[in-house]
Amino acid sequence: MGPNQDGKVRPIRAFLRPNSVAEKGFHTRARMPQKGVIAPGLHPTRKHDLIFHGGKTIANLTFANFYVGGAASWRKSDIQAIDNGLSAAMSDAHLNNVMAQYYPAGTAVTSAFKLSQVLAGPPPKTVSQGDIEALVQRLFRSGALSGFDLANTVFNFMLPSRTILNTDTAPTGGALSTHVEDEKAPKNNPIPHEEEDSTEGLGGYHGSVHNGGQTLYYAVGVFSERLPDGTENGIPVFDEPAKNVVATFYHELNEARTDPDVEDAILAGDDPGAVKFLGWTSAQGEECGDFPVFEAKPLTRVFKEVPLAAGGGTVPVQFQYSNAVHGPEGPIPQPHVLKHAMASPQA
């Protein structure tokens, strides 16, 4: 997300391409409030190990996928690939064995994929943080999110091809529809160019909003692709945009698992109590998915298609940071047995 309105810096919770305008901007502002086997080709980086700050974590995650921009903006095969890939990755035992170190010993780390819906179009040119948070609020008030365990659920918003994502806290003025698709939408619009948006290396981010005493968790990400004119939107690493979407939301959902209330810490600013909202971040303010992306050159060192533990093929993911190996780690057959306690409160 973008800078606070007062210009203060804060923890990182966005998915950023290394050496991009977005990555440099976020790192310039980033700071913390005061209070296996490592991926091949990378070296241990203990100074980036994650620290538990006492905030909430989510061990048993539920998530739902909402596709923005109408059915005409999405190929059914892409939706199926994203739904199936993300569900498989988030529930894979060997991938979850890496994440288990961020929960009390013996905790079962699970996920459940509950819903996939296409929201009516037209596809937006640009989507801001303000747009997404307003959409979450409207979905909640309409009853579309009823029946979910909101304390443990993240609502994913997949943006269609050519839609730009930025971090502005104000809505763009083009309200996103809360209606499930029942009509064809017009074709995608061309991309305008803005700094620190998805044309400058932003892939997605996660956050939360409050409504009537309820906390609503969300993640948003772009359809990362290389366009015919040679420009890039998002962080295209794999050869198919749908695979990039799976990897983006794998990144965001694991960060939401381990640091769901980061938005409240950001909003608290320099308040000494801000740190109490944070789950797991590094001393530099990075969440579990961040430093692996910043460190890897090329990105294919941490963006991999890995075999599923239960068999049946592979899934595209981004390796997450592991304190056990002091760097990005791929799937492992057993959770790490750590020498020091890593207890955290559960939702």
Protein backbone atom coordinates (compact mmCIF):
# COMPACT_ATOMS: atom_id res chain seq x y z
CA MET A 1 0.00 0.00 0.00
CA GLY A 2 1.06 3.61 -0.41
CA PRO A 3 2.43 6.09 2.12
CA ASN A 4 0.37 7.29 5.05
CA GLN A 5 -1.27 10.63 4.44
CA ASP A 6 1.12 12.20 6.97
CA GLY A 7 4.12 10.73 5.14
CA LYS A 8 5.16 8.37 7.93
CA VAL A 9 6.80 5.06 7.13
CA ARG A 10 5.56 1.60 8.09
CA PRO A 11 5.91 -2.19 7.65
CA ILE A 12 5.80 -3.61 4.13
CA ARG A 13 2.81 -5.76 3.22
CA ALA A 14 2.78 -5.50 -0.57
CA PHE A 15 4.04 -7.86 -3.27
CA LEU A 16 6.81 -5.97 -5.13
CA ARG A 17 9.10 -6.68 -8.07
CA PRO A 18 12.78 -6.24 -7.11
CA ASN A 19 14.54 -3.05 -8.27
CA SER A 20 11.25 -1.56 -9.46
CA VAL A 21 9.93 1.92 -8.71
CA ALA A 22 7.40 0.37 -6.33
CA GLU A 23 10.01 -1.67 -4.45
CA LYS A 24 12.32 1.32 -4.00
CA GLY A 25 9.46 3.50 -2.83
CA PHE A 26 8.22 1.01 -0.28
CA HIS A 27 11.70 0.36 1.09
CA THR A 28 12.35 4.07 1.41
CA ARG A 29 9.33 4.38 3.69
CA ALA A 30 9.59 1.06 5.49
CA ARG A 31 10.43 0.75 9.16
CA MET A 32 9.13 -1.06 12.21
CA PRO A 33 7.26 0.58 15.04
CA GLN A 34 9.50 0.56 18.13
CA LYS A 35 8.79 -1.41 21.20
CA GLY A 36 15.06 -27.47 5.49
CA VAL A 37 17.04 -26.31 2.84
CA ILE A 38 17.40 -22.82 1.58
CA ALA A 39 16.47 -22.10 -2.03
CA PRO A 40 19.39 -23.02 -4.35
CA GLY A 41 21.72 -20.13 -5.17
CA LEU A 42 20.80 -18.08 -2.09
CA HIS A 43 22.69 -17.60 1.16
CA PRO A 44 21.40 -17.45 4.76
CA THR A 45 20.32 -13.96 5.83
CA ARG A 46 19.78 -14.10 9.59
CA LYS A 47 19.24 -10.36 9.89
CA HIS A 48 16.01 -10.81 7.93
CA ASP A 49 14.64 -13.55 10.20
CA LEU A 50 11.04 -12.95 11.24
CA ILE A 51 10.26 -11.75 14.76
CA PHE A 52 6.98 -12.44 16.55
CA HIS A 53 5.51 -9.23 17.95
CA GLY A 54 2.52 -10.73 19.78
CA GLY A 55 -0.26 -9.98 17.31
CA LYS A 56 -2.84 -12.26 15.80
CA THR A 57 -2.02 -15.16 13.47
CA ILE A 58 -4.39 -17.47 11.58
CA ALA A 59 -3.56 -21.17 11.64
CA ASN A 60 -6.80 -22.43 10.07
CA LEU A 61 -7.46 -20.13 7.14
CA THR A 62 -10.53 -19.88 4.93
CA PHE A 63 -10.45 -17.95 1.67
CA ALA A 64 -12.80 -16.98 -1.14
CA ASN A 65 -12.01 -15.76 -4.65
CA PHE A 66 -13.84 -12.89 -6.34
CA TYR A 67 -13.03 -12.17 -9.99
CA VAL A 68 -13.48 -8.48 -10.85
CA GLY A 69 -14.55 -7.14 -14.23
CA GLY A 70 -17.21 -9.48 -15.54
CA ALA A 71 -17.17 -12.88 -17.23
CA ALA A 72 -16.08 -11.38 -20.56
CA SER A 73 -12.78 -10.38 -18.91
CA TRP A 74 -11.93 -13.91 -17.77
CA ARG A 75 -11.33 -17.19 -19.54
CA LYS A 76 -13.05 -20.03 -17.72
CA SER A 77 -9.86 -22.05 -18.02
CA ASP A 78 -7.91 -19.32 -16.18
CA ILE A 79 -10.45 -19.15 -13.36
CA GLN A 80 -10.33 -22.91 -12.98
CA ALA A 81 -6.53 -22.95 -13.02
CA ILE A 82 -6.35 -20.19 -10.39
CA ASP A 83 -8.97 -21.73 -8.12
CA ASN A 84 -7.48 -25.21 -8.34
CA GLY A 85 -3.87 -24.05 -8.08
CA LEU A 86 -4.38 -21.75 -5.11
CA SER A 87 -6.51 -24.28 -3.25
CA ALA A 88 -3.89 -27.00 -3.81
CA ALA A 89 -0.96 -24.77 -2.82
CA MET A 90 -2.56 -23.44 0.36
CA SER A 91 -3.58 -26.90 1.55
CA ASP A 92 -0.40 -28.74 0.52
CA ALA A 93 1.13 -30.52 3.52
CA HIS A 94 4.76 -30.04 2.48
CA LEU A 95 4.34 -26.31 1.81
CA ASN A 96 2.45 -25.86 5.09
CA ASN A 97 5.28 -27.64 6.90
CA VAL A 98 7.42 -24.56 6.18
CA MET A 99 4.77 -22.22 7.62
CA ALA A 100 4.22 -24.37 10.75
CA GLN A 101 7.30 -22.81 12.40
CA TYR A 102 5.32 -19.60 12.90
CA TYR A 103 2.77 -21.28 15.16
CA PRO A 104 2.99 -23.12 18.50
CA ALA A 105 4.54 -26.59 18.22
CA GLY A 106 2.05 -29.19 17.07
CA THR A 107 -0.41 -26.70 15.57
CA ALA A 108 -2.11 -27.96 12.42
CA VAL A 109 -1.76 -25.32 9.70
CA THR A 110 -4.68 -25.69 7.29
CA SER A 111 -6.69 -23.84 4.67
CA ALA A 112 -10.14 -24.21 3.15
CA PHE A 113 -11.24 -22.74 -0.20
CA LYS A 114 -14.93 -21.84 0.11
CA LEU A 115 -16.14 -19.74 -2.81
CA SER A 116 -15.37 -18.59 -6.36
CA GLN A 117 -17.50 -15.90 -8.00
CA VAL A 118 -17.22 -13.49 -10.92
CA LEU A 119 -18.38 -9.95 -10.10
CA ALA A 120 -20.20 -8.05 -12.84
CA GLY A 121 -18.23 -5.64 -15.04
CA PRO A 122 -17.19 -3.50 -16.73
CA PRO A 123 -13.47 -4.15 -16.16
CA PRO A 124 -11.91 -1.14 -14.42
CA LYS A 125 -8.92 0.75 -15.84
CA THR A 126 -7.49 1.33 -12.38
CA VAL A 127 -8.27 -0.04 -8.92
CA SER A 128 -7.11 1.60 -5.69
CA GLN A 129 -6.98 0.45 -2.10
CA GLY A 130 -9.94 2.72 -1.48
CA ASP A 131 -11.92 0.93 -4.21
CA ILE A 132 -11.21 -2.52 -2.77
CA GLU A 133 -12.00 -1.52 0.80
CA ALA A 134 -15.27 0.10 -0.29
CA LEU A 135 -16.13 -3.07 -2.23
CA VAL A 136 -15.45 -5.25 0.83
CA GLN A 137 -17.70 -3.02 2.93
CA ARG A 138 -20.53 -3.18 0.37
CA LEU A 139 -20.27 -6.96 0.07
CA PHE A 140 -20.47 -7.23 3.85
CA ARG A 141 -23.49 -4.93 4.14
CA SER A 142 -25.28 -6.78 1.32
CA GLY A 143 -24.95 -10.08 3.17
CA ALA A 144 -22.68 -11.63 0.51
CA LEU A 145 -20.08 -12.46 3.16
CA SER A 146 -22.52 -14.00 5.63
CA GLY A 147 -21.78 -17.56 6.64
CA PHE A 148 -18.01 -17.01 6.70
CA ASP A 149 -15.90 -17.18 9.83
CA LEU A 150 -14.74 -13.60 9.34
CA ALA A 151 -12.01 -13.80 11.98
CA ASN A 152 -10.23 -16.46 9.93
CA THR A 153 -11.23 -15.65 6.35
CA VAL A 154 -9.46 -13.66 3.63
CA PHE A 155 -11.48 -12.43 0.64
CA ASN A 156 -9.35 -12.40 -2.52
CA PHE A 157 -10.02 -9.96 -5.35
CA MET A 158 -8.47 -10.96 -8.68
CA LEU A 159 -8.16 -8.11 -11.16
CA PRO A 160 -8.53 -8.83 -14.90
CA SER A 161 -5.99 -8.41 -17.67
CA ARG A 162 -4.76 -4.83 -18.15
CA THR A 163 -6.32 -3.46 -14.97
CA ILE A 164 -3.82 -1.40 -12.98
CA LEU A 165 -3.62 -1.68 -9.21
CA ASN A 166 -2.38 1.20 -7.09
CA THR A 167 -2.12 1.93 -3.39
CA ASP A 168 -4.18 5.11 -3.14
CA THR A 169 -6.40 5.11 -0.06
CA ALA A 170 -9.05 7.16 -1.88
CA PRO A 171 -11.52 5.50 -4.28
CA THR A 172 -10.96 6.19 -7.98
CA GLY A 173 -14.60 7.14 -8.48
CA GLY A 174 -15.40 4.07 -10.55
CA ALA A 175 -17.27 1.89 -8.06
CA LEU A 176 -16.69 -1.85 -8.39
CA SER A 177 -19.80 -3.97 -8.66
CA THR A 178 -20.86 -6.35 -5.88
CA HIS A 179 -23.18 -8.28 -8.20
CA VAL A 180 -22.37 -11.76 -9.41
CA GLU A 181 -21.88 -11.78 -13.17
CA ASP A 182 -24.97 -12.36 -15.28
CA GLU A 183 -24.20 -10.27 -18.38
CA LYS A 184 -21.24 -9.85 -20.69
CA ALA A 185 -18.98 -6.92 -19.98
CA PRO A 186 -17.14 -4.72 -22.51
CA LYS A 187 -13.52 -5.30 -23.45
CA ASN A 188 -10.65 -4.22 -21.24
CA ASN A 189 -9.49 -0.61 -21.25
CA PRO A 190 -5.93 0.59 -21.95
CA ILE A 191 -3.48 1.06 -19.09
CA PRO A 192 -2.71 4.55 -17.77
CA HIS A 193 0.75 4.97 -16.25
CA GLU A 194 1.28 5.92 -12.59
CA GLU A 195 4.23 5.60 -10.22
CA GLU A 196 4.14 2.82 -7.62
CA ASP A 197 1.32 1.00 -9.27
CA SER A 198 1.28 -2.39 -10.94
CA THR A 199 3.02 -1.05 -14.06
CA GLU A 200 5.93 -0.14 -11.76
CA GLY A 201 6.33 -3.46 -9.96
CA LEU A 202 3.37 -3.76 -7.58
CA GLY A 203 1.82 -7.23 -7.68
CA GLY A 204 -0.70 -7.04 -4.86
CA TYR A 205 -1.25 -6.44 -1.16
CA HIS A 206 -3.39 -7.53 1.77
CA GLY A 207 -5.17 -5.56 4.47
CA SER A 208 -8.29 -5.25 6.57
CA VAL A 209 -11.27 -3.00 7.23
CA HIS A 210 -13.60 -2.76 10.21
CA ASN A 211 -17.38 -2.77 10.06
CA GLY A 212 -19.70 -2.92 13.06
CA GLY A 213 -17.12 -4.53 15.29
CA GLN A 214 -16.18 -7.08 12.62
CA THR A 215 -12.75 -7.19 11.00
CA LEU A 216 -12.83 -8.05 7.29
CA TYR A 217 -9.59 -9.33 5.75
CA TYR A 218 -8.87 -8.95 2.05
CA ALA A 219 -6.14 -9.45 -0.54
CA VAL A 220 -5.97 -7.97 -4.03
CA GLY A 221 -3.68 -8.78 -6.93
CA VAL A 222 -3.23 -8.08 -10.62
CA PHE A 223 -3.24 -10.36 -13.64
CA SER A 224 0.55 -10.29 -13.96
CA GLU A 225 1.51 -10.43 -17.62
CA ARG A 226 3.85 -9.14 -20.32
CA LEU A 227 1.85 -7.10 -22.81
CA PRO A 228 2.37 -7.08 -26.59
CA ASP A 229 4.05 -3.66 -26.44
CA GLY A 230 6.73 -5.07 -24.13
CA THR A 231 5.46 -3.49 -20.90
CA GLU A 232 4.69 -5.49 -17.77
CA ASN A 233 1.75 -5.29 -15.42
CA GLY A 234 2.44 -6.85 -12.03
CA ILE A 235 5.20 -9.43 -11.56
CA PRO A 236 5.16 -11.85 -14.50
CA VAL A 237 7.56 -14.71 -13.81
CA PHE A 238 5.80 -17.79 -15.12
CA ASP A 239 4.90 -18.30 -18.76
CA GLU A 240 1.15 -18.20 -18.08
CA PRO A 241 -0.58 -15.27 -16.31
CA ALA A 242 -2.84 -17.65 -14.37
CA LYS A 243 0.25 -19.19 -12.76
CA ASN A 244 1.43 -15.72 -11.78
CA VAL A 245 -1.93 -15.05 -10.13
CA VAL A 246 -1.65 -18.25 -8.10
CA ALA A 247 1.86 -17.30 -6.94
CA THR A 248 0.75 -13.75 -6.08
CA PHE A 249 -2.11 -14.90 -3.89
CA TYR A 250 -0.02 -17.67 -2.34
CA HIS A 251 2.31 -14.86 -1.24
CA GLU A 252 -0.56 -12.71 0.07
CA LEU A 253 -2.43 -15.47 1.88
CA ASN A 254 0.66 -16.66 3.73
CA GLU A 255 1.35 -13.10 4.81
CA ALA A 256 -2.26 -12.77 5.92
CA ARG A 257 -1.87 -15.99 7.91
CA THR A 258 1.15 -14.73 9.79
CA ASP A 259 0.45 -10.97 10.00
CA PRO A 260 -3.27 -10.33 9.40
CA ASP A 261 -3.62 -7.07 11.36
CA VAL A 262 -0.73 -5.20 9.77
CA GLU A 263 -3.20 -2.55 8.51
CA ASP A 264 -4.05 -1.63 12.10
CA ALA A 265 -0.34 -1.27 12.89
CA ILE A 266 0.09 1.02 9.90
CA LEU A 267 -2.89 3.16 10.88
CA ALA A 268 -1.55 3.45 14.44
CA GLY A 269 1.58 5.11 13.04
CA ASP A 270 4.08 6.16 15.72
CA ASP A 271 1.85 5.10 18.61
CA PRO A 272 4.01 2.83 20.81
CA GLY A 273 1.09 0.40 20.88
CA ALA A 274 1.22 -0.10 17.10
CA VAL A 275 3.54 -3.07 17.39
CA LYS A 276 0.94 -5.09 19.30
CA PHE A 277 -1.02 -5.54 16.07
CA LEU A 278 1.89 -7.17 14.24
CA GLY A 279 2.32 -10.91 13.94
CA TRP A 280 5.56 -11.99 12.22
CA THR A 281 7.80 -9.45 10.45
CA SER A 282 11.52 -8.92 10.12
CA ALA A 283 13.32 -6.06 11.86
CA GLN A 284 13.16 -4.31 8.47
CA GLY A 285 9.36 -4.58 8.38
CA GLU A 286 9.21 -7.43 5.84
CA GLU A 287 6.54 -10.11 6.02
CA CYS A 288 7.17 -13.77 5.20
CA GLY A 289 6.84 -13.33 1.44
CA ASP A 290 8.83 -10.13 1.00
CA PHE A 291 12.54 -10.72 1.42
CA PRO A 292 12.60 -13.84 -0.80
CA VAL A 293 11.44 -11.65 -3.69
CA PHE A 294 13.90 -8.85 -2.90
CA GLU A 295 16.80 -11.29 -2.54
CA ALA A 296 16.29 -13.58 -5.52
CA LYS A 297 18.15 -12.77 -8.71
CA PRO A 298 16.65 -14.07 -10.92
CA LEU A 299 13.16 -14.43 -9.50
CA THR A 300 12.97 -17.99 -10.79
CA ARG A 301 15.08 -19.00 -7.78
CA VAL A 302 12.04 -18.53 -5.55
CA PHE A 303 9.16 -18.77 -8.03
CA LYS A 304 8.83 -22.47 -8.73
CA GLU A 305 6.36 -25.09 -9.83
CA VAL A 306 6.61 -27.68 -7.07
CA PRO A 307 5.16 -31.20 -6.84
CA LEU A 308 2.13 -31.61 -4.63
CA ALA A 309 2.66 -33.75 -1.56
CA ALA A 310 -0.42 -35.81 -2.34
CA GLY A 311 0.59 -36.29 -5.97
CA GLY A 312 -1.39 -35.26 -8.99
CA GLY A 313 0.93 -32.70 -10.52
CA THR A 314 2.63 -29.43 -9.64
CA VAL A 315 1.58 -26.00 -8.42
CA PRO A 316 3.18 -22.55 -9.04
CA VAL A 317 4.24 -20.84 -5.80
CA GLN A 318 6.66 -18.32 -4.38
CA PHE A 319 8.92 -19.70 -1.65
CA GLN A 320 8.34 -18.06 1.73
CA TYR A 321 10.95 -16.94 4.26
CA SER A 322 11.95 -19.63 6.74
CA ASN A 323 13.69 -18.75 10.01
CA ALA A 324 14.85 -22.36 10.19
CA VAL A 325 17.12 -21.93 7.15
CA HIS A 326 17.39 -18.11 7.33
CA GLY A 327 16.07 -17.67 3.83
CA PRO A 328 13.46 -18.80 1.27
CA GLU A 329 12.46 -22.44 1.55
CA GLY A 330 10.51 -24.80 -0.65
CA PRO A 331 8.27 -27.68 0.44
CA ILE A 332 9.61 -30.04 3.13
CA PRO A 333 8.30 -33.47 4.22
CA GLN A 334 8.26 -32.65 7.95
CA PRO A 335 7.92 -29.42 9.94
CA HIS A 336 11.10 -28.03 11.47
CA VAL A 337 11.90 -28.90 15.04
CA LEU A 338 13.19 -25.57 16.32
CA LYS A 339 15.45 -25.08 19.31
CA HIS A 340 13.64 -21.98 20.53
CA ALA A 341 9.96 -21.40 21.26
CA MET A 342 7.84 -19.70 18.60
CA ALA A 343 4.53 -19.48 20.36
CA SER A 344 1.85 -17.18 18.99
CA PRO A 345 -1.78 -16.53 19.92
CA GLN A 346 -4.35 -18.14 17.68
CA ALA A 347 -7.54 -16.64 16.30
